[in-house]
Amino acid sequence: MTTFDFPEDLRAAQSALHRTQSEFEQYARTLPWSAEPMPAREADKQLHSGYRPSRPDSAGYTEEQHQQVAAYRERLLELGVQVTTHPFWKTVEPGLLVAAHIQLKHVDDEPPADEAA
């Protein structure tokens, strides 16, 4: 397996992307089920089951929640662009690009090369 020597700024951007995505997912779990106010609803009975999915009333997001979601999305977009357009990718052989991207996604799983020794 080829090991890639990612530049520190690319490693940092990927780590920040993972961290921000995780924070956003945790924050999203605390939000109402609908961004806009919606009445309670109950769906049709599920086939071969007595289960009827339902949702309670949703007050929608507050202005602060809308702003926080927008800030997370903006930051995720910024970091995603930073990672995908980094000059490092031009130095990787075309046949190894997918492997390099996959390895970068797991950059936090292993200590940096200078700490592993």
C-alpha atoms as a PDB file:
ATOM      1  CA  MET A   1       0.000   0.000   0.000  1.00  0.00           C
ATOM      2  CA  THR A   2       1.286   3.436  -0.929  1.00  0.00           C
ATOM      3  CA  THR A   3       1.647   5.863   1.945  1.00  0.00           C
ATOM      4  CA  PHE A   4       1.228   9.519   1.118  1.00  0.00           C
ATOM      5  CA  ASP A   5       3.100  12.351   2.810  1.00  0.00           C
ATOM      6  CA  PHE A   6       0.288  14.862   3.168  1.00  0.00           C
ATOM      7  CA  PRO A   7       1.253  18.490   3.817  1.00  0.00           C
ATOM      8  CA  GLU A   8       0.417  19.636   7.337  1.00  0.00           C
ATOM      9  CA  ASP A   9      -2.083  22.283   6.133  1.00  0.00           C
ATOM     10  CA  LEU A  10      -4.002  19.619   4.183  1.00  0.00           C
ATOM     11  CA  ARG A  11      -4.004  17.291   7.202  1.00  0.00           C
ATOM     12  CA  ALA A  12      -5.231  20.151   9.392  1.00  0.00           C
ATOM     13  CA  ALA A  13      -7.987  21.082   6.929  1.00  0.00           C
ATOM     14  CA  GLN A  14      -9.187  17.457   6.734  1.00  0.00           C
ATOM     15  CA  SER A  15      -9.164  17.157  10.526  1.00  0.00           C
ATOM     16  CA  ALA A  16     -11.100  20.414  10.833  1.00  0.00           C
ATOM     17  CA  LEU A  17     -13.590  19.142   8.250  1.00  0.00           C
ATOM     18  CA  HIS A  18     -14.171  15.930  10.245  1.00  0.00           C
ATOM     19  CA  ARG A  19     -14.453  17.831  13.519  1.00  0.00           C
ATOM     20  CA  THR A  20     -16.856  20.430  12.090  1.00  0.00           C
ATOM     21  CA  GLN A  21     -19.033  17.746  10.481  1.00  0.00           C
ATOM     22  CA  SER A  22     -19.221  15.902  13.790  1.00  0.00           C
ATOM     23  CA  GLU A  23     -20.117  19.094  15.685  1.00  0.00           C
ATOM     24  CA  PHE A  24     -22.785  19.937  13.118  1.00  0.00           C
ATOM     25  CA  GLU A  25     -24.330  16.457  13.346  1.00  0.00           C
ATOM     26  CA  GLN A  26     -24.455  16.712  17.144  1.00  0.00           C
ATOM     27  CA  TYR A  27     -26.014  20.177  16.930  1.00  0.00           C
ATOM     28  CA  ALA A  28     -28.547  19.035  14.312  1.00  0.00           C
ATOM     29  CA  ARG A  29     -29.798  16.320  16.699  1.00  0.00           C
ATOM     30  CA  THR A  30     -30.907  19.062  19.109  1.00  0.00           C
ATOM     31  CA  LEU A  31     -32.982  20.915  16.503  1.00  0.00           C
ATOM     32  CA  PRO A  32     -36.713  20.585  15.846  1.00  0.00           C
ATOM     33  CA  TRP A  33     -37.538  18.064  13.109  1.00  0.00           C
ATOM     34  CA  SER A  34     -38.571  20.842  10.709  1.00  0.00           C
ATOM     35  CA  ALA A  35     -36.764  24.102   9.989  1.00  0.00           C
ATOM     36  CA  GLU A  36     -40.122  25.815   9.436  1.00  0.00           C
ATOM     37  CA  PRO A  37     -43.152  25.580  11.754  1.00  0.00           C
ATOM     38  CA  MET A  38     -45.140  22.458  10.882  1.00  0.00           C
ATOM     39  CA  PRO A  39     -48.180  20.823  12.440  1.00  0.00           C
ATOM     40  CA  ALA A  40     -48.057  17.320  13.884  1.00  0.00           C
ATOM     41  CA  ARG A  41     -48.607  14.539  11.381  1.00  0.00           C
ATOM     42  CA  GLU A  42     -49.206  10.839  11.260  1.00  0.00           C
ATOM     43  CA  ALA A  43     -48.374   8.709   8.233  1.00  0.00           C
ATOM     44  CA  ASP A  44     -50.252   5.696   6.911  1.00  0.00           C
ATOM     45  CA  LYS A  45     -49.917   2.361   8.670  1.00  0.00           C
ATOM     46  CA  GLN A  46     -46.826   0.466   7.547  1.00  0.00           C
ATOM     47  CA  LEU A  47     -47.343  -2.666   5.456  1.00  0.00           C
ATOM     48  CA  HIS A  48     -47.379  -5.889   7.548  1.00  0.00           C
ATOM     49  CA  SER A  49     -47.140  -3.859  10.749  1.00  0.00           C
ATOM     50  CA  GLY A  50     -49.282  -1.882  13.111  1.00  0.00           C
ATOM     51  CA  TYR A  51     -46.691   0.878  13.249  1.00  0.00           C
ATOM     52  CA  ARG A  52     -47.847   4.370  12.243  1.00  0.00           C
ATOM     53  CA  PRO A  53     -44.952   6.837  11.996  1.00  0.00           C
ATOM     54  CA  SER A  54     -45.757  10.229  13.442  1.00  0.00           C
ATOM     55  CA  ARG A  55     -44.177  13.572  14.248  1.00  0.00           C
ATOM     56  CA  PRO A  56     -45.136  16.071  16.939  1.00  0.00           C
ATOM     57  CA  ASP A  57     -45.713  19.760  16.241  1.00  0.00           C
ATOM     58  CA  SER A  58     -42.549  21.559  15.204  1.00  0.00           C
ATOM     59  CA  ALA A  59     -42.076  25.176  16.195  1.00  0.00           C
ATOM     60  CA  GLY A  60     -39.373  25.436  13.531  1.00  0.00           C
ATOM     61  CA  TYR A  61     -35.896  26.821  14.040  1.00  0.00           C
ATOM     62  CA  THR A  62     -35.303  30.039  15.909  1.00  0.00           C
ATOM     63  CA  GLU A  63     -33.396  32.786  14.096  1.00  0.00           C
ATOM     64  CA  GLU A  64     -30.330  31.853  16.131  1.00  0.00           C
ATOM     65  CA  GLN A  65     -30.641  28.198  15.052  1.00  0.00           C
ATOM     66  CA  HIS A  66     -31.003  29.215  11.383  1.00  0.00           C
ATOM     67  CA  GLN A  67     -27.853  31.320  11.722  1.00  0.00           C
ATOM     68  CA  GLN A  68     -25.933  28.513  13.429  1.00  0.00           C
ATOM     69  CA  VAL A  69     -26.917  25.997  10.732  1.00  0.00           C
ATOM     70  CA  ALA A  70     -25.899  28.483   8.024  1.00  0.00           C
ATOM     71  CA  ALA A  71     -22.552  29.064   9.773  1.00  0.00           C
ATOM     72  CA  TYR A  72     -21.871  25.315   9.973  1.00  0.00           C
ATOM     73  CA  ARG A  73     -22.772  24.841   6.304  1.00  0.00           C
ATOM     74  CA  GLU A  74     -20.575  27.756   5.244  1.00  0.00           C
ATOM     75  CA  ARG A  75     -17.635  26.396   7.245  1.00  0.00           C
ATOM     76  CA  LEU A  76     -18.130  22.875   5.871  1.00  0.00           C
ATOM     77  CA  LEU A  77     -18.200  24.230   2.319  1.00  0.00           C
ATOM     78  CA  GLU A  78     -15.082  26.323   2.951  1.00  0.00           C
ATOM     79  CA  LEU A  79     -13.176  23.352   4.390  1.00  0.00           C
ATOM     80  CA  GLY A  80     -14.398  20.995   1.661  1.00  0.00           C
ATOM     81  CA  VAL A  81     -13.154  23.360  -1.027  1.00  0.00           C
ATOM     82  CA  GLN A  82      -9.868  23.820   0.817  1.00  0.00           C
ATOM     83  CA  VAL A  83      -9.306  20.054   0.946  1.00  0.00           C
ATOM     84  CA  THR A  84     -10.408  19.211  -2.597  1.00  0.00           C
ATOM     85  CA  THR A  85      -8.567  22.058  -4.331  1.00  0.00           C
ATOM     86  CA  HIS A  86      -5.310  21.763  -2.389  1.00  0.00           C
ATOM     87  CA  PRO A  87      -2.224  21.883  -4.663  1.00  0.00           C
ATOM     88  CA  PHE A  88      -1.055  18.545  -3.232  1.00  0.00           C
ATOM     89  CA  TRP A  89      -3.535  16.660  -5.433  1.00  0.00           C
ATOM     90  CA  LYS A  90      -1.675  17.781  -8.579  1.00  0.00           C
ATOM     91  CA  THR A  91       1.428  15.943  -7.322  1.00  0.00           C
ATOM     92  CA  VAL A  92      -0.331  12.574  -7.007  1.00  0.00           C
ATOM     93  CA  GLU A  93      -0.318  10.158  -9.932  1.00  0.00           C
ATOM     94  CA  PRO A  94      -3.807   9.943 -11.479  1.00  0.00           C
ATOM     95  CA  GLY A  95      -4.084   6.213 -10.743  1.00  0.00           C
ATOM     96  CA  LEU A  96      -3.424   6.841  -7.033  1.00  0.00           C
ATOM     97  CA  LEU A  97      -5.798   9.761  -6.452  1.00  0.00           C
ATOM     98  CA  VAL A  98      -8.644   7.678  -5.049  1.00  0.00           C
ATOM     99  CA  ALA A  99      -6.300   5.844  -2.680  1.00  0.00           C
ATOM    100  CA  ALA A 100      -4.814   9.173  -1.547  1.00  0.00           C
ATOM    101  CA  HIS A 101      -8.257  10.667  -0.878  1.00  0.00           C
ATOM    102  CA  ILE A 102      -9.272   7.596   1.122  1.00  0.00           C
ATOM    103  CA  GLN A 103      -6.051   7.661   3.119  1.00  0.00           C
ATOM    104  CA  LEU A 104      -6.529  11.369   3.869  1.00  0.00           C
ATOM    105  CA  LYS A 105     -10.020  10.699   5.228  1.00  0.00           C
ATOM    106  CA  HIS A 106      -8.382   8.452   7.839  1.00  0.00           C
ATOM    107  CA  VAL A 107      -5.567  10.848   8.668  1.00  0.00           C
ATOM    108  CA  ASP A 108      -6.831  11.226  12.254  1.00  0.00           C
ATOM    109  CA  ASP A 109      -6.873   7.443  12.765  1.00  0.00           C
ATOM    110  CA  GLU A 110      -3.091   7.231  12.952  1.00  0.00           C
ATOM    111  CA  PRO A 111      -0.429   9.462  14.530  1.00  0.00           C
ATOM    112  CA  PRO A 112       1.649  11.664  12.191  1.00  0.00           C
ATOM    113  CA  ALA A 113       4.773   9.989  10.777  1.00  0.00           C
ATOM    114  CA  ASP A 114       7.158  11.916  13.062  1.00  0.00           C
ATOM    115  CA  GLU A 115       5.226  10.742  16.187  1.00  0.00           C
ATOM    116  CA  ALA A 116       4.932   7.107  15.055  1.00  0.00           C
ATOM    117  CA  ALA A 117       8.686   6.555  15.195  1.00  0.00           C
END
